[in-house]
Protein backbone atom coordinates (compact mmCIF):
# COMPACT_ATOMS: atom_id res chain seq x y z
CA MET A 1 -148.28 -211.38 70.29
CA GLU A 2 -147.45 -208.64 72.87
CA ASN A 3 -150.29 -206.60 71.57
CA LEU A 4 -152.50 -209.36 71.31
CA LEU A 5 -152.33 -210.33 74.92
CA SER A 6 -152.35 -206.53 76.14
CA LEU A 7 -155.66 -206.09 74.28
CA ALA A 8 -156.91 -209.57 75.63
CA ALA A 9 -156.20 -208.62 78.84
CA ASP A 10 -157.88 -204.90 78.71
CA ASN A 11 -160.73 -206.56 77.36
CA LEU A 12 -161.06 -208.94 79.59
CA VAL A 13 -161.25 -206.32 82.64
CA SER A 14 -163.21 -203.88 81.25
CA PRO A 15 -166.91 -203.51 82.81
CA ILE A 16 -168.78 -205.08 79.43
CA ILE A 17 -167.10 -208.01 80.05
CA LEU A 18 -167.22 -208.46 83.51
CA SER A 19 -170.51 -207.71 83.65
CA PHE A 20 -171.36 -210.89 81.76
CA VAL A 21 -168.87 -212.74 83.77
CA LEU A 22 -170.85 -211.81 86.64
CA GLY A 23 -174.40 -212.70 84.87
CA LEU A 24 -172.41 -216.07 83.92
CA SER A 25 -170.98 -216.64 87.53
CA ALA A 26 -174.36 -216.13 89.41
CA ALA A 27 -176.36 -218.58 86.75
CA LEU A 28 -173.95 -221.32 87.28
CA ALA A 29 -173.58 -220.83 91.08
CA ARG A 30 -177.89 -220.88 90.57
CA SER A 31 -177.92 -217.44 92.43
CA ASP A 32 -181.58 -216.12 91.91
CA LEU A 33 -180.02 -213.20 90.43
CA THR A 34 -182.06 -212.20 87.63
CA ILE A 35 -183.25 -209.29 85.36
CA PRO A 36 -186.76 -208.94 84.62
CA GLU A 37 -188.07 -209.65 81.03
CA ALA A 38 -189.48 -206.45 80.38
CA ILE A 39 -186.66 -204.35 81.71
CA ALA A 40 -184.44 -206.85 79.88
CA LYS A 41 -186.44 -206.06 76.56
CA ALA A 42 -186.37 -202.41 77.06
CA MET A 43 -182.44 -202.26 77.37
CA SER A 44 -182.31 -204.45 73.95
CA ILE A 45 -184.61 -201.94 72.58
CA TYR A 46 -182.60 -198.92 73.45
CA LEU A 47 -179.45 -200.70 72.16
CA LEU A 48 -180.83 -201.52 69.04
CA PHE A 49 -182.06 -198.09 68.29
CA ALA A 50 -179.28 -195.98 69.58
CA ILE A 51 -176.61 -198.32 67.18
CA GLY A 52 -178.62 -198.02 64.52
CA PHE A 53 -179.50 -194.29 64.91
CA LYS A 54 -175.49 -193.48 65.24
CA GLY A 55 -174.98 -195.77 62.12
CA GLY A 56 -177.62 -193.39 60.18
CA VAL A 57 -175.94 -190.03 61.03
CA SER A 58 -172.72 -191.41 60.19
CA VAL A 59 -173.52 -192.55 56.60
CA ALA A 60 -175.72 -188.92 56.49
CA ALA A 61 -172.11 -187.37 57.36
CA HIS A 62 -170.47 -189.37 55.14
CA GLY A 63 -172.77 -189.94 52.20
CA ILE A 64 -173.76 -192.97 50.03
CA ASP A 65 -170.78 -194.45 47.75
CA ALA A 66 -169.97 -197.35 46.14
CA THR A 67 -168.17 -198.82 48.68
CA LEU A 68 -171.43 -198.54 50.84
CA GLY A 69 -173.22 -200.62 47.90
CA LEU A 70 -170.58 -203.41 47.63
CA SER A 71 -170.51 -203.57 51.50
CA LEU A 72 -174.33 -204.44 51.46
CA ILE A 73 -173.61 -206.94 48.51
CA ALA A 74 -170.63 -208.51 51.02
CA GLY A 75 -172.54 -208.97 53.76
CA VAL A 76 -175.38 -210.67 51.99
CA ILE A 77 -172.84 -213.19 50.32
CA LEU A 78 -171.56 -213.79 53.81
CA SER A 79 -174.71 -214.74 55.33
CA ALA A 80 -175.59 -216.87 52.57
CA LEU A 81 -172.19 -219.06 51.92
CA LEU A 82 -170.96 -219.15 56.18
CA PRO A 83 -174.48 -221.28 56.87
CA LEU A 84 -173.04 -223.99 54.04
CA VAL A 85 -169.67 -224.15 55.86
CA ALA A 86 -170.99 -224.51 59.14
CA PHE A 87 -173.62 -227.31 58.26
CA GLY A 88 -170.33 -229.14 56.27
CA LEU A 89 -168.33 -228.33 59.78
CA LEU A 90 -171.36 -229.84 61.72
CA ARG A 91 -171.57 -233.01 59.86
CA VAL A 92 -167.82 -233.59 60.17
CA LEU A 93 -167.49 -232.79 63.73
CA THR A 94 -170.35 -234.12 65.59
CA ASN A 95 -173.63 -236.88 64.85
CA LEU A 96 -176.23 -234.08 64.73
CA ASP A 97 -179.22 -235.04 62.70
CA HIS A 98 -180.05 -232.91 59.20
CA VAL A 99 -182.30 -230.92 60.85
CA ASN A 100 -180.56 -229.89 63.78
CA ALA A 101 -177.33 -229.34 61.48
CA GLY A 102 -179.29 -226.98 59.50
CA ALA A 103 -180.82 -225.27 62.46
CA VAL A 104 -177.45 -224.41 64.06
CA ALA A 105 -176.14 -223.21 60.59
CA ALA A 106 -178.20 -220.53 60.49
CA HIS A 107 -177.45 -219.02 63.45
CA TYR A 108 -173.41 -218.73 62.28
CA GLY A 109 -174.55 -217.03 59.08
CA SER A 110 -176.84 -214.18 60.50
CA ILE A 111 -175.27 -211.80 63.39
CA SER A 112 -175.70 -211.47 66.85
CA ILE A 113 -176.16 -207.39 67.46
CA VAL A 114 -174.73 -207.21 70.86
CA THR A 115 -171.58 -208.64 69.53
CA PHE A 116 -171.48 -206.04 66.70
CA VAL A 117 -171.88 -203.15 69.75
CA ALA A 118 -169.38 -204.85 71.96
CA GLY A 119 -166.84 -204.84 68.83
CA THR A 120 -167.74 -200.81 68.28
CA SER A 121 -166.77 -200.26 71.84
CA VAL A 122 -163.57 -201.87 71.67
CA LEU A 123 -162.67 -199.88 68.50
CA GLU A 124 -163.60 -196.96 70.25
CA SER A 125 -161.19 -197.95 73.29
CA GLN A 126 -158.54 -198.33 71.02
CA GLY A 127 -158.89 -194.90 68.91
CA LEU A 128 -159.91 -196.86 65.66
CA MET A 129 -162.52 -195.21 63.50
CA TYR A 130 -164.66 -197.48 61.61
CA GLU A 131 -167.53 -197.06 58.48
CA GLY A 132 -170.90 -195.66 59.88
CA TYR A 133 -172.66 -197.76 57.33
CA MET A 134 -171.51 -201.08 58.53
CA VAL A 135 -174.82 -201.22 60.95
CA ALA A 136 -176.89 -201.56 57.79
CA VAL A 137 -174.49 -204.23 56.94
CA ALA A 138 -175.45 -206.28 59.86
CA ALA A 139 -179.16 -205.40 59.51
CA ALA A 140 -178.96 -207.07 55.82
CA MET A 141 -177.11 -209.93 57.25
CA GLU A 142 -179.85 -211.42 59.37
CA ALA A 143 -182.37 -212.98 56.43
CA PRO A 144 -179.78 -214.45 53.77
CA ALA A 145 -178.45 -217.06 56.35
CA ILE A 146 -182.41 -218.14 57.44
CA LEU A 147 -182.98 -218.79 53.67
CA SER A 148 -180.12 -220.71 53.16
CA ALA A 149 -180.60 -222.93 56.16
CA LEU A 150 -183.84 -223.64 55.22
CA TRP A 151 -182.98 -224.69 51.84
CA LEU A 152 -180.41 -227.16 53.03
CA ILE A 153 -182.75 -228.78 55.76
CA SER A 154 -185.66 -229.08 52.91
CA ARG A 155 -183.02 -230.88 51.05
CA GLY A 156 -183.83 -233.32 53.85
CA GLY A 157 -187.44 -233.04 53.83
CA GLY A 158 -187.06 -231.54 57.43
CA ALA A 159 -188.27 -227.96 56.64
CA ARG A 160 -191.80 -226.18 56.56
CA ARG A 161 -192.68 -224.49 52.65
CA MET A 162 -192.03 -221.18 52.56
CA ASP A 163 -195.21 -219.66 52.95
CA SER A 164 -196.06 -216.09 53.79
CA ASP A 165 -196.23 -216.14 57.64
CA LEU A 166 -192.77 -217.20 57.34
CA TRP A 167 -191.64 -214.44 54.97
CA ARG A 168 -193.43 -212.20 57.29
CA GLU A 169 -191.39 -213.46 60.28
CA ILE A 170 -188.26 -213.33 58.91
CA ALA A 171 -189.03 -209.85 57.19
CA LEU A 172 -190.55 -208.17 59.80
CA ASN A 173 -188.37 -209.30 62.64
CA GLY A 174 -188.70 -207.24 65.30
CA SER A 175 -185.04 -206.41 65.76
CA ILE A 176 -184.17 -206.17 62.26
CA VAL A 177 -187.12 -203.61 61.81
CA LEU A 178 -185.67 -201.40 64.70
CA LEU A 179 -182.49 -201.27 63.75
CA VAL A 180 -183.20 -200.21 60.21
CA GLY A 181 -185.89 -197.65 61.36
CA SER A 182 -183.77 -196.05 63.93
CA PHE A 183 -180.91 -196.24 60.94
CA ALA A 184 -183.24 -194.23 58.50
CA ILE A 185 -184.07 -191.82 61.36
CA GLY A 186 -180.43 -191.34 61.92
CA TRP A 187 -179.85 -190.87 58.04
CA ILE A 188 -182.44 -188.47 57.65
CA THR A 189 -182.01 -186.18 60.95
CA GLY A 190 -178.36 -186.54 60.57
CA GLU A 191 -176.12 -184.43 62.87
CA ASP A 192 -178.49 -182.14 64.05
CA GLY A 193 -180.96 -185.16 65.23
CA LEU A 194 -178.10 -186.33 66.79
CA ALA A 195 -177.33 -183.19 68.66
CA GLU A 196 -181.04 -183.35 69.96
CA ILE A 197 -181.06 -186.68 71.68
CA SER A 198 -176.96 -187.30 72.28
CA SER A 199 -177.61 -187.17 75.82
CA PHE A 200 -179.56 -190.45 75.37
CA VAL A 201 -178.51 -192.26 72.45
CA VAL A 202 -174.55 -191.65 73.60
CA ALA A 203 -173.79 -190.47 77.21
CA PRO A 204 -175.89 -194.00 78.80
CA PHE A 205 -174.85 -196.61 76.17
CA LYS A 206 -172.18 -198.18 77.81
CA GLY A 207 -173.77 -198.62 81.12
CA VAL A 208 -176.68 -199.82 79.48
CA LEU A 209 -174.64 -202.39 77.52
CA CYS A 210 -173.18 -203.67 81.04
CA LEU A 211 -176.61 -204.45 82.45
CA PHE A 212 -177.57 -205.96 79.20
CA LEU A 213 -174.48 -207.90 79.05
CA LEU A 214 -175.31 -208.99 82.48
CA ASP A 215 -178.61 -210.42 82.05
CA MET A 216 -177.16 -212.29 78.31
CA GLY A 217 -174.96 -213.99 81.02
CA ILE A 218 -177.61 -214.95 83.44
CA VAL A 219 -179.50 -216.60 79.88
CA ALA A 220 -176.09 -218.21 78.91
CA GLY A 221 -175.39 -219.33 82.39
CA ARG A 222 -178.40 -221.04 82.32
CA GLY A 223 -178.36 -222.28 78.87
CA LEU A 224 -175.53 -224.14 79.56
CA ARG A 225 -176.61 -226.10 82.73
CA ALA A 226 -179.60 -227.20 80.70
CA GLY A 227 -178.00 -228.10 77.64
CA ARG A 228 -174.83 -230.15 79.59
CA GLY A 229 -175.84 -233.33 78.25
CA LEU A 230 -176.31 -231.96 74.77
CA ILE A 231 -173.32 -230.06 73.93
CA THR A 232 -170.63 -232.64 73.23
CA ILE A 233 -167.16 -231.90 72.56
CA GLY A 234 -167.75 -231.67 68.79
CA LEU A 235 -170.21 -229.10 69.08
CA LEU A 236 -167.99 -227.48 71.39
CA GLY A 237 -164.85 -227.32 69.07
CA PHE A 238 -167.69 -226.14 66.58
CA GLY A 239 -168.77 -223.43 68.71
CA VAL A 240 -165.03 -222.25 68.88
CA LEU A 241 -163.80 -222.75 65.02
CA MET A 242 -167.08 -221.38 63.33
CA PRO A 243 -166.28 -217.70 64.50
CA LEU A 244 -162.79 -217.97 63.51
CA ILE A 245 -163.82 -219.13 60.09
CA GLY A 246 -166.37 -216.87 59.63
CA ALA A 247 -163.98 -213.67 60.81
CA GLY A 248 -161.54 -214.86 58.41
CA ALA A 249 -164.06 -214.89 55.43
CA GLY A 250 -164.82 -211.16 56.78
CA LEU A 251 -161.02 -210.26 56.60
CA VAL A 252 -161.15 -211.34 53.09
CA ALA A 253 -164.37 -209.29 52.16
CA ALA A 254 -162.94 -206.25 54.54
CA LEU A 255 -159.84 -206.32 52.02
CA LEU A 256 -161.04 -206.71 48.91
CA LEU A 257 -163.52 -203.81 49.88
CA GLY A 258 -160.53 -201.79 51.20
CA LEU A 259 -162.33 -201.00 54.16
CA SER A 260 -160.41 -199.26 57.03
CA THR A 261 -159.10 -201.38 60.39
CA GLY A 262 -162.06 -200.53 62.32
CA GLY A 263 -164.54 -201.62 59.42
CA ALA A 264 -162.55 -204.79 58.62
CA VAL A 265 -162.70 -205.36 62.49
CA LEU A 266 -166.57 -205.27 62.02
CA LEU A 267 -167.01 -207.42 58.99
CA MET A 268 -165.03 -209.84 61.03
CA VAL A 269 -167.22 -209.55 63.97
CA LEU A 270 -170.40 -209.95 61.67
CA GLY A 271 -168.87 -213.06 60.18
CA ALA A 272 -167.64 -214.44 63.55
CA SER A 273 -171.09 -213.89 65.50
CA ALA A 274 -173.80 -216.04 65.90
CA SER A 275 -177.37 -214.94 66.03
CA TYR A 276 -179.74 -215.97 69.23
CA ILE A 277 -182.43 -213.38 68.62
CA ALA A 278 -183.88 -213.23 64.68
CA VAL A 279 -182.71 -216.99 64.07
CA PRO A 280 -184.42 -218.70 67.07
CA ALA A 281 -187.59 -216.91 66.05
CA ALA A 282 -187.59 -217.98 62.61
CA MET A 283 -186.24 -221.55 63.51
CA ARG A 284 -189.19 -222.06 65.95
CA VAL A 285 -191.85 -221.33 63.37
CA ALA A 286 -190.26 -222.94 60.10
CA VAL A 287 -188.50 -225.85 61.90
CA PRO A 288 -189.86 -226.62 65.18
CA GLU A 289 -188.71 -230.12 65.42
CA ALA A 290 -185.05 -228.65 65.86
CA ASN A 291 -183.82 -228.87 69.48
CA PRO A 292 -183.48 -225.17 70.97
CA SER A 293 -181.43 -226.25 73.79
CA ILE A 294 -178.71 -227.10 71.32
CA TYR A 295 -178.78 -224.18 68.78
CA LEU A 296 -179.32 -221.41 72.03
CA THR A 297 -176.79 -222.93 74.01
CA LEU A 298 -174.44 -223.14 71.04
CA SER A 299 -174.77 -219.57 69.92
CA LEU A 300 -175.24 -217.89 73.28
CA GLY A 301 -173.39 -220.43 75.82
CA VAL A 302 -170.39 -221.19 73.89
CA THR A 303 -169.75 -218.66 71.09
CA PHE A 304 -170.96 -215.31 72.22
CA PRO A 305 -168.82 -215.44 75.40
CA PHE A 306 -165.81 -217.02 73.29
CA ASN A 307 -166.45 -213.75 71.00
CA LEU A 308 -166.31 -211.54 73.96
CA ALA A 309 -163.75 -212.85 75.95
CA LEU A 310 -161.23 -213.76 73.01
CA GLY A 311 -162.60 -213.15 69.96
CA LEU A 312 -162.49 -209.29 69.81
CA PRO A 313 -158.85 -209.18 70.52
CA ILE A 314 -157.83 -211.42 68.24
CA TYR A 315 -160.01 -209.44 65.59
CA VAL A 316 -158.56 -206.45 66.06
CA SER A 317 -155.03 -207.81 66.50
CA VAL A 318 -155.27 -209.56 63.28
CA ALA A 319 -157.15 -206.71 61.30
CA ARG A 320 -154.53 -204.11 62.53
CA ALA A 321 -151.73 -206.40 61.45
CA VAL A 322 -153.02 -207.00 57.75
CA THR A 323 -153.91 -203.50 57.30
CA GLY A 324 -151.22 -201.81 59.31
CA GLY A 325 -153.88 -199.78 61.04
């Protein structure tokens, strides 16, 4: 417990978390602080490229083995099954209709790449190594959750038919393409490639992450203000409980795979996080009748800050206790 409290305290006063708090506080106070959309987009592109590239370099150094393949399979299974759990939990805790419950559930099987990046930063600050190919697992976990949720919604007659446009929206989502593509570049070029651009993808990384989380705080604060009348106690409870369930599932999978302590933490983070980029884009196309104020406010305004402030210390502490790392 002391280790958990110490890690939580360190995490709460880190520049990354405080940047998010600054943005959140500014938005809730109705400040005119804002990050231009073009700059926010550029930071997002940078973070995706950097984490994907470094993950590819790690795989090049590590080599391909059975654990990598099994980790990818485990990630896909987690992504496909967690929306089913989320949907059932929503039907118990809330009065959401079939369509909105399915749309929310999709976000809780897919992943938040920024939460993943924040998780790697916490691991590095704790001196914990992790498998570089976890970024490939993150990329693999985007689409299955969307498909599971659309299946749930279609059972109630609410989802659009899976046509070619929707498949294209899912498969060619920009964040997935950039993450997978930069991973491939890092894998192909290896350590030599990293040496060439290390001053770009390593040194500025945490500074850019701070500014990006400042923007995420602003967006989350505005979402909380806009969705104040829509987010019930049941939805708030779901937004905190579901990440813990997803993290538990990720830990079980990590133990079965024999991942390192750092790898176990990242699989817990992937299971716990909720998408706010790829899934909302797909839901707008496939289920336009679902209310974005509900699913975006929950994923970005409730679960995202919970994971940043409290979830990450919990996952690190639990993984260390279970794996002995």
